[in-house]
């Protein structure tokens, strides 16, 4: 190892702006930093998000529900610019006290229901519309096990590998090696599973796939961190097969566009308030 030796102080002290892509918004306390109400559109489902992998999970599901004919899944998707600190506005903090995207507010009942954490939103919507989550006990347990596998594993991919490989101001060999090893282990877990079944939870396409694809599917397809070659993703041929098949689904392609502000112009739909909004960007039907 070539890094200088570091000894942690007896008491840690926060140094604002200490480098890295997100240094201007990172802080060791919670709560709102400013007053700003959230906008509310005409649909019962109001989504406040950004097209990060966690945001894409929810828009994938909503577009899949609409493709199945669930008209009640129509939604307004409002852009939350996390690099500008919009997740610390008072309205967003009321919807998600953890100040992370995505957040959903369901206005279909007598009282609005807030749902935060992407996995919770997926499960809430799947149960609300009785779709993409199995009813049979064993199949449901398998689906939820993989859903929560993603929730526990992806921080090693995003906040661990992604941060130190792509965003950290200093490349730290130990950190990159440590998280690369773990991400490759996780890819191997998925590859072995997908060698046994077409989808992660078995024979049916479920919210487990929708939770995992935006992270691991986009990773092996080269759309996350630019790390496909570094990770030798060609070794995970079952993950690649699954990732490619899901990427071709029109609802996945549409969901990936919502709240996106980067990439090719035809891949971006910063806000979505109606199905017709996709017409301006030639979205797949």
Protein backbone atom coordinates (compact mmCIF):
# COMPACT_ATOMS: atom_id res chain seq x y z
CA UNK A 1 0.00 0.00 0.00
CA UNK A 2 1.22 3.48 -0.85
CA UNK A 3 -1.18 5.63 1.19
CA UNK A 4 0.21 7.70 4.06
CA UNK A 5 -0.50 6.30 7.50
CA UNK A 6 -3.54 7.83 9.16
CA UNK A 7 -4.32 7.70 12.87
CA UNK A 8 -7.91 8.65 13.76
CA UNK A 9 -8.14 11.45 16.34
CA UNK A 10 -9.61 10.71 19.72
CA UNK A 11 -12.72 12.75 18.78
CA UNK A 12 -13.80 13.16 15.16
CA UNK A 13 -14.47 16.73 13.98
CA UNK A 14 -16.45 17.53 10.85
CA UNK A 15 -14.55 19.48 8.20
CA UNK A 16 -16.99 20.94 5.69
CA UNK A 17 -16.13 20.62 2.02
CA UNK A 18 -13.51 17.94 2.52
CA UNK A 19 -13.47 16.87 -1.12
CA UNK A 20 -15.33 14.48 -3.36
CA UNK A 21 -18.24 14.93 -5.73
CA UNK A 22 -20.88 15.30 -3.02
CA UNK A 23 -18.84 17.20 -0.42
CA UNK A 24 -21.04 20.28 -0.67
CA UNK A 25 -24.15 18.41 0.53
CA UNK A 26 -22.69 15.92 3.00
CA UNK A 27 -23.14 16.77 6.67
CA UNK A 28 -23.33 14.84 9.95
CA UNK A 29 -26.78 16.08 11.00
CA UNK A 30 -30.34 15.55 9.75
CA UNK A 31 -33.30 17.86 9.25
CA UNK A 32 -34.29 20.66 6.91
CA UNK A 33 -31.93 23.45 5.92
CA UNK A 34 -34.57 25.65 4.29
CA UNK A 35 -38.31 26.02 3.84
CA UNK A 36 -39.67 24.70 0.57
CA UNK A 37 -43.01 23.01 0.01
CA UNK A 38 -43.22 20.07 -2.36
CA UNK A 39 -45.27 20.53 -5.53
CA UNK A 40 -48.35 18.33 -5.96
CA UNK A 41 -49.67 17.33 -9.37
CA UNK A 42 -53.03 15.94 -10.44
CA UNK A 43 -52.40 12.24 -9.90
CA UNK A 44 -52.79 10.46 -6.54
CA UNK A 45 -49.20 9.18 -6.68
CA UNK A 46 -46.59 11.90 -6.26
CA UNK A 47 -42.95 10.87 -6.68
CA UNK A 48 -40.02 13.08 -5.69
CA UNK A 49 -36.85 11.66 -7.10
CA UNK A 50 -33.81 11.65 -9.35
CA UNK A 51 -32.70 8.97 -11.82
CA UNK A 52 -30.03 7.45 -9.64
CA UNK A 53 -30.28 3.65 -9.35
CA UNK A 54 -32.53 3.99 -6.30
CA UNK A 55 -34.80 6.38 -8.14
CA UNK A 56 -34.95 4.22 -11.27
CA UNK A 57 -36.25 1.27 -9.24
CA UNK A 58 -39.52 3.07 -8.54
CA UNK A 59 -40.08 4.55 -12.00
CA UNK A 60 -39.41 1.12 -13.50
CA UNK A 61 -42.17 -0.36 -11.35
CA UNK A 62 -44.62 2.46 -12.04
CA UNK A 63 -44.10 2.16 -15.79
CA UNK A 64 -44.45 -1.64 -15.60
CA UNK A 65 -47.71 -1.23 -13.66
CA UNK A 66 -49.03 1.18 -16.28
CA UNK A 67 -47.99 -1.22 -19.03
CA UNK A 68 -50.12 -3.88 -17.31
CA UNK A 69 -53.11 -1.53 -17.44
CA UNK A 70 -53.18 -0.28 -13.85
CA UNK A 71 -54.50 3.23 -14.48
CA UNK A 72 -54.29 3.99 -10.78
CA UNK A 73 -50.51 3.88 -11.11
CA UNK A 74 -50.45 7.14 -13.08
CA UNK A 75 -48.07 9.46 -11.33
CA UNK A 76 -46.34 12.81 -11.24
CA UNK A 77 -42.55 12.57 -10.98
CA UNK A 78 -40.90 15.72 -9.66
CA UNK A 79 -37.17 16.28 -10.00
CA UNK A 80 -35.15 16.59 -6.79
CA UNK A 81 -31.71 17.98 -7.55
CA UNK A 82 -29.68 16.39 -4.79
CA UNK A 83 -26.44 18.16 -5.72
CA UNK A 84 -28.29 21.44 -5.08
CA UNK A 85 -29.47 20.21 -1.68
CA UNK A 86 -33.17 20.12 -2.59
CA UNK A 87 -33.59 16.97 -0.47
CA UNK A 88 -33.07 19.17 2.59
CA UNK A 89 -36.12 21.34 1.90
CA UNK A 90 -38.78 21.23 4.61
CA UNK A 91 -41.35 19.58 2.34
CA UNK A 92 -39.02 16.81 1.28
CA UNK A 93 -37.85 16.18 4.84
CA UNK A 94 -41.51 15.83 5.83
CA UNK A 95 -41.88 13.15 3.14
CA UNK A 96 -38.59 11.48 4.02
CA UNK A 97 -36.85 12.42 7.29
CA UNK A 98 -33.74 10.65 5.98
CA UNK A 99 -33.42 13.21 3.14
CA UNK A 100 -32.70 10.62 0.46
CA UNK A 101 -34.46 10.09 -2.84
CA UNK A 102 -36.88 8.66 -3.74
CA UNK A 103 -39.90 9.64 -1.68
CA UNK A 104 -43.50 8.86 -2.56
CA UNK A 105 -46.71 10.42 -1.26
CA UNK A 106 -49.96 8.58 -2.01
CA UNK A 107 -52.98 10.89 -2.02
CA UNK A 108 -55.51 8.23 -3.05
CA UNK A 109 -56.98 7.82 0.45
CA UNK A 110 -58.55 10.13 2.97
CA UNK A 111 -55.12 11.04 4.33
CA UNK A 112 -51.84 11.25 2.38
CA UNK A 113 -49.48 8.35 3.01
CA UNK A 114 -45.75 8.95 2.81
CA UNK A 115 -43.45 6.10 1.83
CA UNK A 116 -39.67 6.39 1.84
CA UNK A 117 -36.76 4.04 1.16
CA UNK A 118 -36.85 2.58 -2.34
CA UNK A 119 -37.45 -1.01 -1.22
CA UNK A 120 -40.40 0.06 0.93
CA UNK A 121 -41.87 1.99 -2.01
CA UNK A 122 -41.53 -1.05 -4.29
CA UNK A 123 -43.27 -3.30 -1.79
CA UNK A 124 -45.98 -0.72 -1.05
CA UNK A 125 -46.84 -0.29 -4.72
CA UNK A 126 -46.63 -4.00 -5.53
CA UNK A 127 -49.07 -4.78 -2.72
CA UNK A 128 -51.32 -1.84 -3.58
CA UNK A 129 -51.77 -3.08 -7.15
CA UNK A 130 -51.32 -6.80 -6.44
CA UNK A 131 -48.60 -7.12 -9.06
CA UNK A 132 -44.95 -8.16 -9.30
CA UNK A 133 -44.89 -9.73 -5.85
CA UNK A 134 -45.93 -13.39 -5.49
CA UNK A 135 -48.83 -14.41 -3.28
CA UNK A 136 -47.71 -17.99 -2.65
CA UNK A 137 -45.69 -18.17 0.57
CA UNK A 138 -42.47 -19.74 -0.69
CA UNK A 139 -42.31 -17.59 -3.83
CA UNK A 140 -43.07 -14.44 -1.81
CA UNK A 141 -40.32 -15.28 0.68
CA UNK A 142 -37.83 -15.75 -2.17
CA UNK A 143 -38.83 -12.43 -3.73
CA UNK A 144 -38.57 -10.50 -0.48
CA UNK A 145 -35.27 -12.18 0.41
CA UNK A 146 -33.71 -10.93 -2.82
CA UNK A 147 -35.33 -7.52 -2.41
CA UNK A 148 -33.70 -7.13 0.98
CA UNK A 149 -30.47 -8.65 -0.33
CA UNK A 150 -30.29 -5.67 -2.66
CA UNK A 151 -31.05 -3.19 0.09
CA UNK A 152 -28.22 -4.59 2.20
CA UNK A 153 -25.72 -5.18 -0.59
CA UNK A 154 -25.96 -2.10 -2.81
CA UNK A 155 -24.37 0.31 -0.30
CA UNK A 156 -21.13 -1.63 -0.80
CA UNK A 157 -21.51 -1.06 -4.54
CA UNK A 158 -22.57 2.60 -4.38
CA UNK A 159 -21.22 4.25 -1.26
CA UNK A 160 -18.28 1.84 -1.18
CA UNK A 161 -16.98 0.87 -4.61
CA UNK A 162 -18.63 3.67 -6.58
CA UNK A 163 -17.46 6.37 -4.23
CA UNK A 164 -13.84 5.32 -3.95
CA UNK A 165 -13.48 4.22 -7.59
CA UNK A 166 -15.29 7.12 -9.28
CA UNK A 167 -15.90 10.04 -6.90
CA UNK A 168 -13.32 10.21 -4.10
CA UNK A 169 -10.82 13.07 -4.47
CA UNK A 170 -7.97 10.65 -3.68
CA UNK A 171 -7.68 7.11 -5.06
CA UNK A 172 -7.08 4.87 -2.06
CA UNK A 173 -5.76 1.45 -3.07
CA UNK A 174 -6.97 -0.35 0.05
CA UNK A 175 -10.51 1.03 -0.22
CA UNK A 176 -10.83 0.27 -3.94
CA UNK A 177 -9.45 -3.24 -3.50
CA UNK A 178 -11.71 -3.95 -0.55
CA UNK A 179 -14.92 -2.85 -2.25
CA UNK A 180 -13.98 -4.32 -5.64
CA UNK A 181 -13.60 -7.71 -3.98
CA UNK A 182 -17.03 -7.39 -2.37
CA UNK A 183 -18.76 -6.20 -5.56
CA UNK A 184 -17.29 -9.10 -7.52
CA UNK A 185 -18.48 -11.47 -4.82
CA UNK A 186 -21.98 -10.00 -5.09
CA UNK A 187 -21.93 -10.36 -8.87
CA UNK A 188 -20.95 -13.98 -8.41
CA UNK A 189 -23.89 -14.47 -6.04
CA UNK A 190 -26.22 -13.09 -8.71
CA UNK A 191 -24.58 -15.02 -11.52
CA UNK A 192 -24.98 -18.32 -9.70
CA UNK A 193 -28.61 -17.53 -8.95
CA UNK A 194 -29.41 -16.48 -12.52
CA UNK A 195 -27.83 -19.67 -13.82
CA UNK A 196 -30.73 -21.45 -12.11
CA UNK A 197 -33.67 -19.25 -13.11
CA UNK A 198 -34.60 -16.59 -15.67
CA UNK A 199 -35.28 -13.98 -13.01
CA UNK A 200 -33.73 -13.32 -9.65
CA UNK A 201 -36.61 -14.67 -7.58
CA UNK A 202 -37.45 -17.54 -9.91
CA UNK A 203 -39.58 -17.93 -13.03
CA UNK A 204 -41.50 -14.65 -12.60
CA UNK A 205 -40.37 -11.06 -13.09
CA UNK A 206 -40.79 -9.31 -9.73
CA UNK A 207 -39.87 -6.26 -7.70
CA UNK A 208 -36.67 -8.11 -6.78
CA UNK A 209 -35.50 -7.70 -10.39
CA UNK A 210 -36.61 -4.07 -10.40
CA UNK A 211 -34.62 -3.39 -7.24
CA UNK A 212 -31.45 -5.12 -8.44
CA UNK A 213 -31.31 -4.16 -12.14
CA UNK A 214 -30.69 -0.39 -11.72
CA UNK A 215 -27.59 -1.19 -9.68
CA UNK A 216 -26.13 -4.47 -10.91
CA UNK A 217 -27.75 -4.61 -14.34
CA UNK A 218 -26.59 -1.13 -15.27
CA UNK A 219 -23.17 -1.91 -13.80
CA UNK A 220 -22.53 -4.89 -16.07
CA UNK A 221 -23.97 -3.02 -19.07
CA UNK A 222 -21.41 -0.25 -18.58
CA UNK A 223 -23.85 2.44 -17.46
CA UNK A 224 -22.59 2.80 -13.88
CA UNK A 225 -19.21 4.21 -12.82
CA UNK A 226 -17.59 3.27 -16.15
CA UNK A 227 -16.26 0.20 -14.39
CA UNK A 228 -17.35 -2.70 -16.62
CA UNK A 229 -13.85 -3.43 -17.92
CA UNK A 230 -12.26 -2.93 -14.51
CA UNK A 231 -14.64 -5.47 -12.99
CA UNK A 232 -14.36 -7.90 -15.94
CA UNK A 233 -18.13 -8.14 -16.16
CA UNK A 234 -17.93 -10.57 -19.08
CA UNK A 235 -17.23 -13.24 -16.45
CA UNK A 236 -20.82 -12.92 -15.21
CA UNK A 237 -22.60 -14.16 -18.31
CA UNK A 238 -25.89 -15.02 -16.58
CA UNK A 239 -26.09 -11.54 -15.07
CA UNK A 240 -25.34 -10.08 -18.51
CA UNK A 241 -28.11 -12.16 -20.11
CA UNK A 242 -30.62 -11.02 -17.49
CA UNK A 243 -29.47 -7.40 -17.57
CA UNK A 244 -29.72 -7.23 -21.35
CA UNK A 245 -33.20 -8.76 -21.42
CA UNK A 246 -34.53 -6.33 -18.84
CA UNK A 247 -32.90 -3.36 -20.55
CA UNK A 248 -34.90 -4.17 -23.68
CA UNK A 249 -38.27 -3.94 -21.91
CA UNK A 250 -40.10 -0.74 -22.97
CA UNK A 251 -41.23 -0.01 -19.40
CA UNK A 252 -37.66 -0.32 -18.12
CA UNK A 253 -36.41 2.01 -20.81
CA UNK A 254 -39.12 4.51 -19.99
CA UNK A 255 -38.58 4.23 -16.25
CA UNK A 256 -34.87 4.87 -16.71
CA UNK A 257 -35.65 8.15 -18.47
CA UNK A 258 -37.83 9.67 -15.76
CA UNK A 259 -36.11 12.32 -13.61
CA UNK A 260 -32.94 11.90 -15.68
CA UNK A 261 -30.82 15.00 -16.31
CA UNK A 262 -27.69 13.41 -17.77
CA UNK A 263 -26.73 11.37 -20.80
CA UNK A 264 -28.15 11.71 -24.29
CA UNK A 265 -30.99 14.20 -24.69
CA UNK A 266 -33.37 11.50 -25.94
CA UNK A 267 -32.81 9.59 -22.68
CA UNK A 268 -33.88 12.46 -20.43
CA UNK A 269 -37.32 13.27 -19.05
CA UNK A 270 -36.58 15.48 -16.02
CA UNK A 271 -40.23 15.56 -14.93
CA UNK A 272 -43.11 13.28 -15.84
CA UNK A 273 -46.74 14.25 -15.36
CA UNK A 274 -48.49 12.28 -18.08
CA UNK A 275 -47.81 9.43 -20.46
CA UNK A 276 -47.75 11.92 -23.33
CA UNK A 277 -44.65 13.57 -21.85
CA UNK A 278 -42.61 10.77 -23.39
CA UNK A 279 -43.67 11.85 -26.90
CA UNK A 280 -41.18 14.72 -26.86
CA UNK A 281 -38.28 12.33 -26.36
CA UNK A 282 -39.40 9.44 -28.58
CA UNK A 283 -39.76 7.00 -25.70
CA UNK A 284 -40.40 3.33 -26.45
CA UNK A 285 -43.99 2.11 -26.31
